[in-house]
C-alpha atoms as a PDB file:
ATOM      1  CA  MET A   1     129.553 169.087  70.536  1.00  0.00           C
ATOM      2  CA  ALA A   2     132.160 170.564  73.288  1.00  0.00           C
ATOM      3  CA  ILE A   3     129.708 173.350  73.621  1.00  0.00           C
ATOM      4  CA  SER A   4     126.568 170.985  74.418  1.00  0.00           C
ATOM      5  CA  SER A   5     128.766 169.169  76.827  1.00  0.00           C
ATOM      6  CA  SER A   6     129.794 172.152  78.788  1.00  0.00           C
ATOM      7  CA  SER A   7     126.520 173.534  79.030  1.00  0.00           C
ATOM      8  CA  ASP A   8     124.963 170.036  80.195  1.00  0.00           C
ATOM      9  CA  ARG A   9     127.761 170.180  82.970  1.00  0.00           C
ATOM     10  CA  HIS A  10     126.763 173.933  83.802  1.00  0.00           C
ATOM     11  CA  LEU A  11     123.133 173.085  83.886  1.00  0.00           C
ATOM     12  CA  SER A  12     123.369 169.993  86.022  1.00  0.00           C
ATOM     13  CA  HIS A  13     125.490 172.018  88.478  1.00  0.00           C
ATOM     14  CA  PHE A  14     123.085 174.904  88.664  1.00  0.00           C
ATOM     15  CA  VAL A  15     120.247 172.398  89.248  1.00  0.00           C
ATOM     16  CA  LEU A  16     122.040 170.561  92.071  1.00  0.00           C
ATOM     17  CA  GLU A  17     122.821 173.689  93.859  1.00  0.00           C
ATOM     18  CA  SER A  18     118.981 175.071  92.923  1.00  0.00           C
ATOM     19  CA  LEU A  19     117.404 172.054  95.082  1.00  0.00           C
ATOM     20  CA  PRO A  20     115.899 173.078  98.325  1.00  0.00           C
ATOM     21  CA  PRO A  21     117.856 171.491 101.233  1.00  0.00           C
ATOM     22  CA  MET A  22     115.969 168.112 102.731  1.00  0.00           C
ATOM     23  CA  ILE A  23     115.301 167.305 106.065  1.00  0.00           C
ATOM     24  CA  TYR A  24     115.722 163.248 106.525  1.00  0.00           C
ATOM     25  CA  ARG A  25     114.496 161.421 109.343  1.00  0.00           C
ATOM     26  CA  LEU A  26     114.440 157.693 110.532  1.00  0.00           C
ATOM     27  CA  GLU A  27     112.078 155.893 112.392  1.00  0.00           C
ATOM     28  CA  VAL A  28     112.158 152.184 113.418  1.00  0.00           C
ATOM     29  CA  SER A  29     108.667 150.949 112.022  1.00  0.00           C
ATOM     30  CA  GLN A  30     109.233 147.528 113.207  1.00  0.00           C
ATOM     31  CA  GLN A  31     111.632 146.797 116.193  1.00  0.00           C
ATOM     32  CA  PRO A  32     113.956 143.595 116.573  1.00  0.00           C
ATOM     33  CA  ILE A  33     113.060 141.463 119.795  1.00  0.00           C
ATOM     34  CA  ARG A  34     114.960 138.205 119.987  1.00  0.00           C
ATOM     35  CA  ALA A  35     117.492 136.465 117.665  1.00  0.00           C
ATOM     36  CA  ARG A  36     119.468 132.411 117.959  1.00  0.00           C
ATOM     37  CA  MET A  37     123.393 132.922 118.039  1.00  0.00           C
ATOM     38  CA  CYS A  38     124.584 131.548 114.698  1.00  0.00           C
ATOM     39  CA  GLY A  39     128.088 130.931 116.337  1.00  0.00           C
ATOM     40  CA  PHE A  40     131.252 131.075 113.749  1.00  0.00           C
ATOM     41  CA  GLY A  41     129.937 128.910 111.173  1.00  0.00           C
ATOM     42  CA  ASP A  42     127.875 129.935 107.948  1.00  0.00           C
ATOM     43  CA  LYS A  43     125.492 126.755 107.952  1.00  0.00           C
ATOM     44  CA  ASP A  44     122.852 127.399 110.605  1.00  0.00           C
ATOM     45  CA  ARG A  45     122.302 131.155 110.388  1.00  0.00           C
ATOM     46  CA  ARG A  46     119.234 132.531 111.968  1.00  0.00           C
ATOM     47  CA  PRO A  47     117.838 135.850 111.032  1.00  0.00           C
ATOM     48  CA  ILE A  48     116.966 138.658 113.820  1.00  0.00           C
ATOM     49  CA  ASP A  49     113.156 138.161 114.394  1.00  0.00           C
ATOM     50  CA  PRO A  50     111.038 140.171 113.616  1.00  0.00           C
ATOM     51  CA  PRO A  51     112.925 141.413 110.688  1.00  0.00           C
ATOM     52  CA  PRO A  52     114.180 145.290 111.707  1.00  0.00           C
ATOM     53  CA  VAL A  53     112.185 147.907 109.108  1.00  0.00           C
ATOM     54  CA  VAL A  54     113.268 151.487 109.153  1.00  0.00           C
ATOM     55  CA  ARG A  55     111.232 154.404 107.668  1.00  0.00           C
ATOM     56  CA  LEU A  56     112.687 157.605 105.924  1.00  0.00           C
ATOM     57  CA  LEU A  57     110.707 160.754 106.376  1.00  0.00           C
ATOM     58  CA  VAL A  58     111.505 163.737 104.267  1.00  0.00           C
ATOM     59  CA  SER A  59     110.332 167.237 104.889  1.00  0.00           C
ATOM     60  CA  THR A  60     111.902 170.796 103.924  1.00  0.00           C
ATOM     61  CA  ALA A  61     113.539 173.116 105.937  1.00  0.00           C
ATOM     62  CA  ASP A  62     110.325 174.587 107.258  1.00  0.00           C
ATOM     63  CA  GLY A  63     109.206 171.246 108.460  1.00  0.00           C
ATOM     64  CA  THR A  64     106.539 170.837 105.151  1.00  0.00           C
ATOM     65  CA  PRO A  65     106.562 167.217 104.602  1.00  0.00           C
ATOM     66  CA  VAL A  66     107.273 165.904 101.240  1.00  0.00           C
ATOM     67  CA  PRO A  67     105.154 163.004  99.785  1.00  0.00           C
ATOM     68  CA  GLU A  68     107.152 160.196  98.775  1.00  0.00           C
ATOM     69  CA  SER A  69     105.956 160.214  95.123  1.00  0.00           C
ATOM     70  CA  SER A  70     108.213 163.447  94.813  1.00  0.00           C
ATOM     71  CA  VAL A  71     111.496 162.073  96.333  1.00  0.00           C
ATOM     72  CA  ASP A  72     113.987 159.993  94.098  1.00  0.00           C
ATOM     73  CA  HIS A  73     114.806 157.228  96.299  1.00  0.00           C
ATOM     74  CA  SER A  74     116.936 155.306  93.176  1.00  0.00           C
ATOM     75  CA  MET A  75     120.262 155.906  95.319  1.00  0.00           C
ATOM     76  CA  MET A  76     119.083 156.007  98.725  1.00  0.00           C
ATOM     77  CA  ILE A  77     120.369 153.328 101.367  1.00  0.00           C
ATOM     78  CA  VAL A  78     120.379 152.839 104.940  1.00  0.00           C
ATOM     79  CA  HIS A  79     123.547 150.892 106.711  1.00  0.00           C
ATOM     80  CA  ALA A  80     122.867 148.817 109.937  1.00  0.00           C
ATOM     81  CA  GLY A  81     125.543 148.091 112.643  1.00  0.00           C
ATOM     82  CA  LEU A  82     125.817 146.117 116.029  1.00  0.00           C
ATOM     83  CA  TRP A  83     126.071 148.663 119.251  1.00  0.00           C
ATOM     84  CA  SER A  84     125.903 147.816 122.826  1.00  0.00           C
ATOM     85  CA  GLU A  85     122.680 147.877 124.628  1.00  0.00           C
ATOM     86  CA  ASN A  86     123.722 151.344 126.083  1.00  0.00           C
ATOM     87  CA  ARG A  87     124.672 152.482 122.632  1.00  0.00           C
ATOM     88  CA  THR A  88     128.248 153.410 123.687  1.00  0.00           C
ATOM     89  CA  GLU A  89     130.254 151.067 121.855  1.00  0.00           C
ATOM     90  CA  GLU A  90     130.302 149.318 118.399  1.00  0.00           C
ATOM     91  CA  ARG A  91     130.109 145.228 118.629  1.00  0.00           C
ATOM     92  CA  SER A  92     130.114 144.923 114.603  1.00  0.00           C
ATOM     93  CA  LEU A  93     133.345 142.855 114.912  1.00  0.00           C
ATOM     94  CA  VAL A  94     134.328 139.811 117.237  1.00  0.00           C
ATOM     95  CA  ILE A  95     137.325 137.859 117.697  1.00  0.00           C
ATOM     96  CA  ASN A  96     137.490 134.396 115.816  1.00  0.00           C
ATOM     97  CA  PRO A  97     137.917 132.107 118.562  1.00  0.00           C
ATOM     98  CA  SER A  98     139.787 129.505 116.092  1.00  0.00           C
ATOM     99  CA  SER A  99     142.308 132.223 115.642  1.00  0.00           C
ATOM    100  CA  ILE A 100     143.496 132.458 119.275  1.00  0.00           C
ATOM    101  CA  PRO A 101     147.018 130.952 120.080  1.00  0.00           C
ATOM    102  CA  THR A 102     146.868 128.270 121.905  1.00  0.00           C
ATOM    103  CA  GLN A 103     149.734 125.783 123.383  1.00  0.00           C
ATOM    104  CA  SER A 104     150.947 122.809 121.800  1.00  0.00           C
ATOM    105  CA  THR A 105     149.744 119.519 123.942  1.00  0.00           C
ATOM    106  CA  GLY A 106     152.863 117.875 121.974  1.00  0.00           C
ATOM    107  CA  PRO A 107     155.998 116.915 123.890  1.00  0.00           C
ATOM    108  CA  SER A 108     158.440 118.428 121.377  1.00  0.00           C
ATOM    109  CA  SER A 109     156.432 122.014 120.900  1.00  0.00           C
ATOM    110  CA  THR A 110     156.271 124.152 123.916  1.00  0.00           C
ATOM    111  CA  VAL A 111     156.403 127.709 122.219  1.00  0.00           C
ATOM    112  CA  MET A 112     152.691 129.496 121.464  1.00  0.00           C
ATOM    113  CA  SER A 113     151.902 131.077 118.576  1.00  0.00           C
ATOM    114  CA  LEU A 114     152.824 134.610 117.908  1.00  0.00           C
ATOM    115  CA  ASN A 115     150.387 135.732 115.510  1.00  0.00           C
ATOM    116  CA  ALA A 116     147.612 138.057 116.556  1.00  0.00           C
ATOM    117  CA  PRO A 117     143.945 136.820 117.131  1.00  0.00           C
ATOM    118  CA  SER A 118     141.979 137.894 114.061  1.00  0.00           C
ATOM    119  CA  CYS A 119     138.721 139.455 113.996  1.00  0.00           C
ATOM    120  CA  THR A 120     135.503 138.961 111.972  1.00  0.00           C
ATOM    121  CA  ARG A 121     132.281 140.454 111.233  1.00  0.00           C
ATOM    122  CA  ASN A 122     129.538 139.855 114.749  1.00  0.00           C
ATOM    123  CA  LEU A 123     126.740 141.042 112.676  1.00  0.00           C
ATOM    124  CA  MET A 124     125.865 138.598 109.609  1.00  0.00           C
ATOM    125  CA  GLY A 125     123.715 139.191 105.959  1.00  0.00           C
ATOM    126  CA  HIS A 126     123.169 141.964 104.745  1.00  0.00           C
ATOM    127  CA  CYS A 127     123.707 145.027 106.291  1.00  0.00           C
ATOM    128  CA  THR A 128     122.749 147.573 103.895  1.00  0.00           C
ATOM    129  CA  SER A 129     118.807 148.088 102.331  1.00  0.00           C
ATOM    130  CA  SER A 130     117.823 150.233  99.413  1.00  0.00           C
ATOM    131  CA  ALA A 131     114.813 152.058  99.606  1.00  0.00           C
ATOM    132  CA  TYR A 132     111.362 150.535  98.999  1.00  0.00           C
ATOM    133  CA  VAL A 133     108.292 152.733  98.377  1.00  0.00           C
ATOM    134  CA  LEU A 134     105.617 150.464 100.010  1.00  0.00           C
ATOM    135  CA  ASN A 135     102.104 150.236 101.922  1.00  0.00           C
ATOM    136  CA  ASN A 136     102.093 149.497 105.471  1.00  0.00           C
ATOM    137  CA  ASN A 137      99.343 147.028 107.009  1.00  0.00           C
ATOM    138  CA  LEU A 138      97.337 150.150 107.540  1.00  0.00           C
ATOM    139  CA  GLY A 139      97.529 151.094 103.818  1.00  0.00           C
ATOM    140  CA  GLN A 140     100.093 154.300 104.210  1.00  0.00           C
ATOM    141  CA  GLN A 141     102.464 154.570 101.980  1.00  0.00           C
ATOM    142  CA  GLY A 142     106.248 155.461 102.653  1.00  0.00           C
ATOM    143  CA  ILE A 143     109.565 154.714 102.101  1.00  0.00           C
ATOM    144  CA  TYR A 144     111.037 151.748 103.969  1.00  0.00           C
ATOM    145  CA  PHE A 145     114.253 150.084 104.437  1.00  0.00           C
ATOM    146  CA  ILE A 146     113.906 146.426 105.198  1.00  0.00           C
ATOM    147  CA  PHE A 147     116.698 144.175 107.080  1.00  0.00           C
ATOM    148  CA  GLN A 148     115.317 140.217 106.693  1.00  0.00           C
ATOM    149  CA  ASP A 149     118.689 138.662 106.773  1.00  0.00           C
ATOM    150  CA  LEU A 150     120.631 139.990 109.516  1.00  0.00           C
ATOM    151  CA  SER A 151     122.228 137.316 112.109  1.00  0.00           C
ATOM    152  CA  VAL A 152     124.499 138.003 115.328  1.00  0.00           C
ATOM    153  CA  ARG A 153     127.148 135.314 115.917  1.00  0.00           C
ATOM    154  CA  THR A 154     127.562 135.912 119.984  1.00  0.00           C
ATOM    155  CA  GLU A 155     124.999 135.443 122.570  1.00  0.00           C
ATOM    156  CA  GLY A 156     124.269 139.230 124.639  1.00  0.00           C
ATOM    157  CA  THR A 157     121.861 142.191 124.428  1.00  0.00           C
ATOM    158  CA  PHE A 158     122.698 144.828 121.139  1.00  0.00           C
ATOM    159  CA  THR A 159     121.068 147.354 119.466  1.00  0.00           C
ATOM    160  CA  LEU A 160     121.035 147.981 116.051  1.00  0.00           C
ATOM    161  CA  LYS A 161     122.177 151.352 114.485  1.00  0.00           C
ATOM    162  CA  PHE A 162     121.026 152.752 111.283  1.00  0.00           C
ATOM    163  CA  SER A 163     122.471 155.292 109.246  1.00  0.00           C
ATOM    164  CA  PHE A 164     120.851 156.857 106.083  1.00  0.00           C
ATOM    165  CA  CYS A 165     122.606 158.279 102.960  1.00  0.00           C
ATOM    166  CA  ASP A 166     121.526 159.656  99.725  1.00  0.00           C
ATOM    167  CA  VAL A 167     124.078 158.510  97.289  1.00  0.00           C
ATOM    168  CA  LYS A 168     123.031 160.826  94.685  1.00  0.00           C
ATOM    169  CA  GLY A 169     122.849 163.704  96.788  1.00  0.00           C
ATOM    170  CA  LEU A 170     126.515 163.429  97.644  1.00  0.00           C
ATOM    171  CA  LEU A 171     127.775 163.325  94.159  1.00  0.00           C
ATOM    172  CA  VAL A 172     128.385 166.860  92.927  1.00  0.00           C
ATOM    173  CA  ARG A 173     129.640 167.541  89.299  1.00  0.00           C
ATOM    174  CA  SER A 174     132.331 170.256  89.222  1.00  0.00           C
ATOM    175  CA  LEU A 175     132.798 172.620  86.290  1.00  0.00           C
ATOM    176  CA  SER A 176     135.681 171.219  85.150  1.00  0.00           C
ATOM    177  CA  GLY A 177     133.561 167.746  84.375  1.00  0.00           C
ATOM    178  CA  TYR A 178     134.706 165.687  87.759  1.00  0.00           C
ATOM    179  CA  THR A 179     132.552 163.967  89.809  1.00  0.00           C
ATOM    180  CA  ASN A 180     133.600 164.064  93.387  1.00  0.00           C
ATOM    181  CA  SER A 181     131.574 163.442  96.696  1.00  0.00           C
ATOM    182  CA  ARG A 182     130.866 165.746  99.636  1.00  0.00           C
ATOM    183  CA  GLY A 183     128.778 165.373 102.461  1.00  0.00           C
ATOM    184  CA  SER A 184     128.262 162.764 105.261  1.00  0.00           C
ATOM    185  CA  VAL A 185     125.669 160.483 106.935  1.00  0.00           C
ATOM    186  CA  ALA A 186     122.008 162.338 106.573  1.00  0.00           C
ATOM    187  CA  ALA A 187     120.260 160.673 109.616  1.00  0.00           C
ATOM    188  CA  GLU A 188     120.497 157.894 112.316  1.00  0.00           C
ATOM    189  CA  VAL A 189     118.278 156.089 114.474  1.00  0.00           C
ATOM    190  CA  TYR A 190     118.750 153.552 117.182  1.00  0.00           C
ATOM    191  CA  SER A 191     116.684 150.500 117.721  1.00  0.00           C
ATOM    192  CA  ALA A 192     115.382 148.946 120.934  1.00  0.00           C
ATOM    193  CA  PRO A 193     117.715 146.356 122.895  1.00  0.00           C
ATOM    194  CA  PHE A 194     117.372 142.993 121.431  1.00  0.00           C
ATOM    195  CA  LYS A 195     118.335 140.073 123.130  1.00  0.00           C
ATOM    196  CA  VAL A 196     120.665 137.350 121.227  1.00  0.00           C
ATOM    197  CA  TYR A 197     119.965 133.497 122.803  1.00  0.00           C
ATOM    198  CA  SER A 198     122.315 130.251 122.734  1.00  0.00           C
ATOM    199  CA  ALA A 199     120.710 127.416 120.512  1.00  0.00           C
ATOM    200  CA  LYS A 200     119.796 125.859 124.246  1.00  0.00           C
ATOM    201  CA  LYS A 201     118.185 128.976 125.797  1.00  0.00           C
ATOM    202  CA  PHE A 202     116.376 130.256 122.216  1.00  0.00           C
ATOM    203  CA  PRO A 203     112.408 130.485 123.027  1.00  0.00           C
ATOM    204  CA  GLY A 204     111.653 130.125 119.289  1.00  0.00           C
ATOM    205  CA  MET A 205     110.542 132.747 116.690  1.00  0.00           C
ATOM    206  CA  THR A 206     107.423 135.145 117.113  1.00  0.00           C
ATOM    207  CA  GLU A 207     104.571 134.999 114.980  1.00  0.00           C
ATOM    208  CA  SER A 208     105.157 137.059 112.109  1.00  0.00           C
ATOM    209  CA  THR A 209     103.631 140.833 112.269  1.00  0.00           C
ATOM    210  CA  ALA A 210     101.099 142.456 110.365  1.00  0.00           C
ATOM    211  CA  LEU A 211     103.688 144.889 108.976  1.00  0.00           C
ATOM    212  CA  SER A 212     105.915 141.964 107.459  1.00  0.00           C
ATOM    213  CA  LYS A 213     102.494 140.166 105.858  1.00  0.00           C
ATOM    214  CA  ALA A 214     101.760 143.431 104.352  1.00  0.00           C
ATOM    215  CA  PHE A 215     104.991 143.740 102.958  1.00  0.00           C
ATOM    216  CA  ALA A 216     105.336 139.619 101.588  1.00  0.00           C
ATOM    217  CA  LYS A 217     102.097 140.512  99.965  1.00  0.00           C
ATOM    218  CA  GLN A 218     103.633 142.998  97.905  1.00  0.00           C
ATOM    219  CA  GLY A 219     106.775 141.225  96.484  1.00  0.00           C
ATOM    220  CA  ILE A 220     109.063 141.676  99.684  1.00  0.00           C
ATOM    221  CA  LYS A 221     111.137 138.397 100.309  1.00  0.00           C
ATOM    222  CA  ILE A 222     110.619 138.366 103.954  1.00  0.00           C
ATOM    223  CA  PRO A 223     110.093 135.267 105.982  1.00  0.00           C
ATOM    224  CA  ILE A 224     106.296 134.650 107.067  1.00  0.00           C
ATOM    225  CA  ARG A 225     105.233 132.012 109.781  1.00  0.00           C
ATOM    226  CA  LYS A 226     101.533 131.410 110.490  1.00  0.00           C
ATOM    227  CA  GLU A 227     102.253 129.785 114.197  1.00  0.00           C
ATOM    228  CA  THR A 228     103.903 130.668 117.364  1.00  0.00           C
ATOM    229  CA  ARG A 229     106.655 128.367 118.550  1.00  0.00           C
ATOM    230  CA  TYR A 230     108.107 128.264 121.857  1.00  0.00           C
ATOM    231  CA  ARG A 231     110.384 126.424 123.596  1.00  0.00           C
ATOM    232  CA  LYS A 232     109.958 125.759 127.102  1.00  0.00           C
ATOM    233  CA  THR A 233     112.227 127.467 129.615  1.00  0.00           C
ATOM    234  CA  ASN A 234     112.785 127.386 133.590  1.00  0.00           C
ATOM    235  CA  ASN A 235     111.490 131.065 133.505  1.00  0.00           C
ATOM    236  CA  GLU A 236     108.458 130.474 131.706  1.00  0.00           C
ATOM    237  CA  GLU A 237     105.373 128.388 132.460  1.00  0.00           C
ATOM    238  CA  THR A 238     103.912 126.414 129.665  1.00  0.00           C
ATOM    239  CA  ARG A 239     100.315 124.959 129.275  1.00  0.00           C
ATOM    240  CA  ASP A 240      99.843 121.641 130.410  1.00  0.00           C
ATOM    241  CA  PRO A 241      97.230 119.873 128.440  1.00  0.00           C
ATOM    242  CA  THR A 242      97.216 117.221 131.006  1.00  0.00           C
ATOM    243  CA  ASN A 243      95.536 119.628 133.737  1.00  0.00           C
ATOM    244  CA  GLU A 244      93.240 120.778 131.588  1.00  0.00           C
ATOM    245  CA  GLU A 245      89.033 120.465 132.275  1.00  0.00           C
ATOM    246  CA  VAL A 246      87.435 118.397 129.526  1.00  0.00           C
ATOM    247  CA  PRO A 247      84.147 119.499 128.921  1.00  0.00           C
ATOM    248  CA  GLU A 248      81.175 117.356 129.289  1.00  0.00           C
ATOM    249  CA  SER A 249      80.537 117.875 125.770  1.00  0.00           C
ATOM    250  CA  SER A 250      83.536 115.804 124.717  1.00  0.00           C
ATOM    251  CA  SER A 251      83.061 112.999 126.983  1.00  0.00           C
ATOM    252  CA  SER A 252      83.933 109.928 126.312  1.00  0.00           C
ATOM    253  CA  ALA A 253      80.584 108.362 127.651  1.00  0.00           C
ATOM    254  CA  LEU A 254      77.504 107.571 125.545  1.00  0.00           C
ATOM    255  CA  PRO A 255      74.606 108.990 125.760  1.00  0.00           C
ATOM    256  CA  THR A 256      71.538 107.659 127.924  1.00  0.00           C
ATOM    257  CA  SER A 257      69.587 107.177 124.947  1.00  0.00           C
ATOM    258  CA  THR A 258      72.224 105.287 123.019  1.00  0.00           C
ATOM    259  CA  ILE A 259      73.088 103.066 126.172  1.00  0.00           C
ATOM    260  CA  SER A 260      69.238 102.441 126.198  1.00  0.00           C
ATOM    261  CA  ASP A 261      69.140 101.509 122.579  1.00  0.00           C
ATOM    262  CA  SER A 262      72.202  99.291 122.818  1.00  0.00           C
ATOM    263  CA  LYS A 263      70.795  97.359 125.799  1.00  0.00           C
ATOM    264  CA  VAL A 264      67.476  97.358 123.936  1.00  0.00           C
ATOM    265  CA  SER A 265      69.523  95.798 120.672  1.00  0.00           C
ATOM    266  CA  GLU A 266      70.806  93.372 122.934  1.00  0.00           C
ATOM    267  CA  THR A 267      67.853  91.954 124.066  1.00  0.00           C
ATOM    268  CA  THR A 268      66.521  91.993 120.733  1.00  0.00           C
ATOM    269  CA  VAL A 269      69.404  89.972 119.386  1.00  0.00           C
ATOM    270  CA  GLU A 270      69.213  87.576 122.723  1.00  0.00           C
ATOM    271  CA  SER A 271      65.007  86.614 122.312  1.00  0.00           C
ATOM    272  CA  THR A 272      65.920  86.134 118.540  1.00  0.00           C
ATOM    273  CA  GLY A 273      68.766  83.919 119.429  1.00  0.00           C
ATOM    274  CA  ASN A 274      66.538  81.838 121.766  1.00  0.00           C
ATOM    275  CA  ASP A 275      63.891  81.887 119.297  1.00  0.00           C
ATOM    276  CA  GLU A 276      66.180  80.500 116.692  1.00  0.00           C
ATOM    277  CA  LYS A 277      67.442  77.928 119.068  1.00  0.00           C
ATOM    278  CA  ARG A 278      63.781  76.963 120.098  1.00  0.00           C
ATOM    279  CA  ASN A 279      62.637  76.496 116.653  1.00  0.00           C
ATOM    280  CA  HIS A 280      65.642  74.345 115.667  1.00  0.00           C
ATOM    281  CA  HIS A 281      64.862  72.223 118.743  1.00  0.00           C
ATOM    282  CA  ASP A 282      60.861  72.175 117.228  1.00  0.00           C
ATOM    283  CA  LEU A 283      62.081  71.409 114.001  1.00  0.00           C
ATOM    284  CA  SER A 284      64.507  68.730 114.864  1.00  0.00           C
ATOM    285  CA  ASP A 285      61.615  67.103 117.397  1.00  0.00           C
ATOM    286  CA  ASP A 286      59.107  67.390 113.752  1.00  0.00           C
ATOM    287  CA  ASP A 287      61.817  65.505 111.923  1.00  0.00           C
ATOM    288  CA  THR A 288      62.366  62.947 114.552  1.00  0.00           C
ATOM    289  CA  ASP A 289      58.569  62.116 114.449  1.00  0.00           C
ATOM    290  CA  THR A 290      58.523  62.013 110.521  1.00  0.00           C
ATOM    291  CA  VAL A 291      61.169  59.477 110.354  1.00  0.00           C
ATOM    292  CA  ARG A 292      59.460  57.281 112.972  1.00  0.00           C
ATOM    293  CA  ASP A 293      56.156  57.410 111.343  1.00  0.00           C
ATOM    294  CA  SER A 294      57.826  56.623 108.069  1.00  0.00           C
ATOM    295  CA  GLU A 295      59.799  53.257 109.418  1.00  0.00           C
ATOM    296  CA  GLU A 296      56.309  52.280 110.667  1.00  0.00           C
ATOM    297  CA  GLY A 297      54.780  52.819 107.685  1.00  0.00           C
ATOM    298  CA  LYS A 298      57.683  50.639 105.920  1.00  0.00           C
ATOM    299  CA  GLY A 299      56.806  48.012 108.810  1.00  0.00           C
ATOM    300  CA  LYS A 300      53.378  47.804 107.762  1.00  0.00           C
ATOM    301  CA  SER A 301      53.934  47.471 104.355  1.00  0.00           C
ATOM    302  CA  ALA A 302      56.442  44.533 104.704  1.00  0.00           C
ATOM    303  CA  GLU A 303      53.630  42.534 106.794  1.00  0.00           C
ATOM    304  CA  LYS A 304      51.092  42.752 104.253  1.00  0.00           C
ATOM    305  CA  ARG A 305      53.470  41.618 101.498  1.00  0.00           C
ATOM    306  CA  ARG A 306      54.253  38.575 103.691  1.00  0.00           C
ATOM    307  CA  ARG A 307      50.523  37.734 104.077  1.00  0.00           C
ATOM    308  CA  LYS A 308      49.903  38.286 100.138  1.00  0.00           C
ATOM    309  CA  SER A 309      53.315  35.780  99.528  1.00  0.00           C
ATOM    310  CA  LYS A 310      51.612  32.977 102.207  1.00  0.00           C
END
């Protein structure tokens, strides 16, 4: 068993050394645009919009592209870091305001705290993404890294630095059987600058992109919005529905035919009412005559009875 184990180690070492070197390159398929600062609490955390997406391109030393199906992406990762707009300073850490020493307002305490302010993460969320083989909105297959859960604590303009590493390629099995790590970051890329707004100045989330919708249909948990919502700002003009012209077809006035019909119907109702009043008046006169005739008939019959009795 020891011989077979030793041969497996030698075979594994030979395979790793015999693999042709791969050239890795990153490109940002979906750039971040804006975000709302989340402050130093963890309850109201808004993600960067739209979610940044990075694609990995693999080729051989002579520049021949390597198909995605031939790449073992099981241990490939990309790490995201927060940098300044000019890409010269890292901004992943920020001083927590609650840790800044302040002088007590009490009359008996005049000594400030000597504890140094503590730092906390400025970039919140999952800063590392695994590789996914997905089809984009054009149906093209690729190896993608998706960052749908990144938030920034402070206001300002930043960029994201993405660093690629193949963990499997860093592990080398030595002849003695121990596993060592070697190498460094294989590829890097910066995103375009994006702005982080305060809660009052934030213009709102953008509409979900076609790429985000395509990934969501393939099972990626990515937020999807159907409508664009913007908040009114001083520098942006908003549409005022009260100043819009109302088309003639939607006018509240009734058409001519409807008006004429309504007039005819009113005339008909009035005439019908007058006829009913007239008929009622006529009927009442007839009833009066009938009553009068009946009374005269009763009077004549009474006179005849008196004559007979005499």
